Amino acid sequence: MNDRPNPNQDDNYQQFSAEETERQRLQREEHYLESAHQNAIARKFEQGIYFLVGALELLLLLRFILRLSGANPDNTFANIIYNLSQPFVTPFSTLFISPTFNGNLNIFDVNLLVAMASYFVLMFLVIWLVRIVSSR
């Protein structure tokens, strides 16, 4: 018998091994790309949440400043701010009795501060949930 190895068998094995290695590398790349795509979607969702809550916080801050400074509620700008923010303030509106200064003109609205803090905490809880879900 011939003790020399068959060069064709060795070449076939190397070719098969190279194809298998390439297939595994492609699968890893596909998995990496899919994971990167999911992470990108989660980050965009987080950015959207940050933007919306930031806009809400700004709206509530404007309402707080207008009430504290005793702005005329019949003014168009103040009226728009009050009407836009009213649905977000209503759940907190009777939580505390807010102190007034100069009669009823200047109101330090503690309920607005509680609302702002609550929405801020809620934002972080939602972001935390998004990160937990997207990490799987």
Protein backbone atom coordinates (compact mmCIF):
# COMPACT_ATOMS: atom_id res chain seq x y z
CA MET A 1 0.00 0.00 0.00
CA ASN A 2 0.93 3.55 -0.49
CA ASP A 3 1.66 5.35 2.82
CA ARG A 4 1.56 8.81 1.28
CA PRO A 5 -1.57 10.86 2.05
CA ASN A 6 -3.81 11.72 -0.84
CA PRO A 7 -3.21 15.39 -1.69
CA ASN A 8 -6.75 15.72 -3.05
CA GLN A 9 -8.24 14.68 0.30
CA ASP A 10 -6.14 17.22 2.16
CA ASP A 11 -7.11 19.97 -0.29
CA ASN A 12 -10.81 19.03 0.02
CA TYR A 13 -10.59 19.13 3.81
CA GLN A 14 -8.90 22.52 3.76
CA GLN A 15 -11.51 23.86 1.33
CA PHE A 16 -14.35 22.48 3.47
CA SER A 17 -12.75 23.94 6.61
CA ALA A 18 -12.32 27.33 4.94
CA GLU A 19 -15.96 27.34 3.80
CA GLU A 20 -17.14 26.41 7.30
CA THR A 21 -15.01 29.14 8.84
CA GLU A 22 -16.35 31.67 6.33
CA ARG A 23 -19.94 30.58 7.06
CA GLN A 24 -19.38 31.03 10.80
CA ARG A 25 -17.83 34.44 10.25
CA LEU A 26 -20.80 35.51 8.11
CA GLN A 27 -23.24 34.30 10.77
CA ARG A 28 -21.38 36.30 13.41
CA GLU A 29 -21.45 39.37 11.17
CA GLU A 30 -25.20 38.97 10.52
CA HIS A 31 -25.84 38.61 14.25
CA TYR A 32 -23.71 41.69 14.94
CA LEU A 33 -25.56 43.74 12.30
CA GLU A 34 -28.97 42.65 13.61
CA SER A 35 -27.94 43.52 17.15
CA ALA A 36 -26.60 46.91 16.04
CA HIS A 37 -29.86 47.61 14.19
CA GLN A 38 -31.94 46.77 17.27
CA ASN A 39 -29.70 48.96 19.43
CA ALA A 40 -30.07 51.83 16.98
CA ILE A 41 -33.86 51.54 17.09
CA ALA A 42 -33.82 51.45 20.90
CA ARG A 43 -31.57 54.55 21.03
CA LYS A 44 -33.88 56.45 18.65
CA PHE A 45 -36.84 55.48 20.83
CA GLU A 46 -34.96 56.74 23.90
CA GLN A 47 -34.15 60.01 22.13
CA GLY A 48 -37.82 60.43 21.26
CA ILE A 49 -38.79 59.90 24.89
CA TYR A 50 -36.16 62.41 26.04
CA PHE A 51 -37.45 64.96 23.52
CA LEU A 52 -41.13 64.54 24.41
CA VAL A 53 -40.58 64.66 28.17
CA GLY A 54 -38.19 67.58 27.75
CA ALA A 55 -40.85 69.48 25.80
CA LEU A 56 -43.44 68.63 28.47
CA GLU A 57 -41.08 69.78 31.25
CA LEU A 58 -40.48 73.05 29.40
CA LEU A 59 -44.23 73.57 28.99
CA LEU A 60 -44.83 72.93 32.69
CA LEU A 61 -41.94 75.22 33.63
CA LEU A 62 -43.45 78.01 31.53
CA ARG A 63 -46.79 77.47 33.26
CA PHE A 64 -45.06 77.59 36.66
CA ILE A 65 -43.26 80.85 35.80
CA LEU A 66 -46.44 82.42 34.41
CA ARG A 67 -48.42 81.53 37.54
CA LEU A 68 -45.62 82.61 39.87
CA SER A 69 -45.25 85.95 38.15
CA GLY A 70 -49.01 86.56 38.10
CA ALA A 71 -49.40 86.60 34.33
CA ASN A 72 -52.80 87.60 32.97
CA PRO A 73 -54.65 84.34 32.09
CA ASP A 74 -56.60 86.23 29.40
CA ASN A 75 -53.39 86.95 27.50
CA THR A 76 -53.14 84.83 24.34
CA PHE A 77 -49.69 83.39 25.12
CA ALA A 78 -50.54 82.57 28.73
CA ASN A 79 -53.88 81.11 27.67
CA ILE A 80 -52.18 78.80 25.14
CA ILE A 81 -49.64 77.64 27.74
CA TYR A 82 -52.38 77.02 30.31
CA ASN A 83 -54.58 75.11 27.84
CA LEU A 84 -51.74 72.96 26.51
CA SER A 85 -50.47 72.04 29.95
CA GLN A 86 -53.84 71.54 31.65
CA PRO A 87 -54.23 67.80 30.81
CA PHE A 88 -50.81 67.08 32.31
CA VAL A 89 -51.46 69.10 35.47
CA THR A 90 -54.99 67.89 36.19
CA PRO A 91 -53.98 64.62 37.96
CA PHE A 92 -51.94 66.69 40.42
CA SER A 93 -54.15 69.77 40.70
CA THR A 94 -55.68 69.05 44.13
CA LEU A 95 -52.70 67.31 45.72
CA PHE A 96 -51.56 70.34 47.74
CA ILE A 97 -52.93 73.76 48.51
CA SER A 98 -50.54 76.16 46.82
CA PRO A 99 -49.55 79.34 48.67
CA THR A 100 -50.50 82.65 47.06
CA PHE A 101 -48.82 86.05 47.22
CA ASN A 102 -50.49 89.42 46.54
CA GLY A 103 -53.96 87.98 46.90
CA ASN A 104 -54.53 85.45 44.09
CA LEU A 105 -52.24 86.96 41.48
CA ASN A 106 -48.95 85.24 42.25
CA ILE A 107 -49.33 81.51 42.92
CA PHE A 108 -46.45 79.25 43.93
CA ASP A 109 -47.93 76.09 42.43
CA VAL A 110 -46.44 73.18 44.38
CA ASN A 111 -48.61 70.79 42.34
CA LEU A 112 -46.75 71.80 39.18
CA LEU A 113 -43.43 71.01 40.80
CA VAL A 114 -44.73 67.60 41.88
CA ALA A 115 -46.04 66.99 38.34
CA MET A 116 -42.68 67.93 36.83
CA ALA A 117 -40.80 65.64 39.22
CA SER A 118 -43.26 62.80 38.58
CA TYR A 119 -42.93 63.04 34.80
CA PHE A 120 -39.15 63.20 35.15
CA VAL A 121 -39.06 60.02 37.25
CA LEU A 122 -41.54 58.33 34.90
CA MET A 123 -39.25 59.17 31.97
CA PHE A 124 -36.32 57.42 33.62
CA LEU A 125 -38.44 54.38 34.42
CA VAL A 126 -39.57 54.11 30.78
CA ILE A 127 -35.98 54.55 29.54
CA TRP A 128 -34.87 51.85 31.96
CA LEU A 129 -37.58 49.53 30.64
CA VAL A 130 -36.56 50.22 27.03
CA ARG A 131 -32.95 49.38 27.87
CA ILE A 132 -33.96 46.15 29.60
CA VAL A 133 -36.10 45.06 26.66
CA SER A 134 -33.53 46.06 24.03
CA SER A 135 -30.66 44.29 25.80
CA ARG A 136 -32.15 40.86 25.21
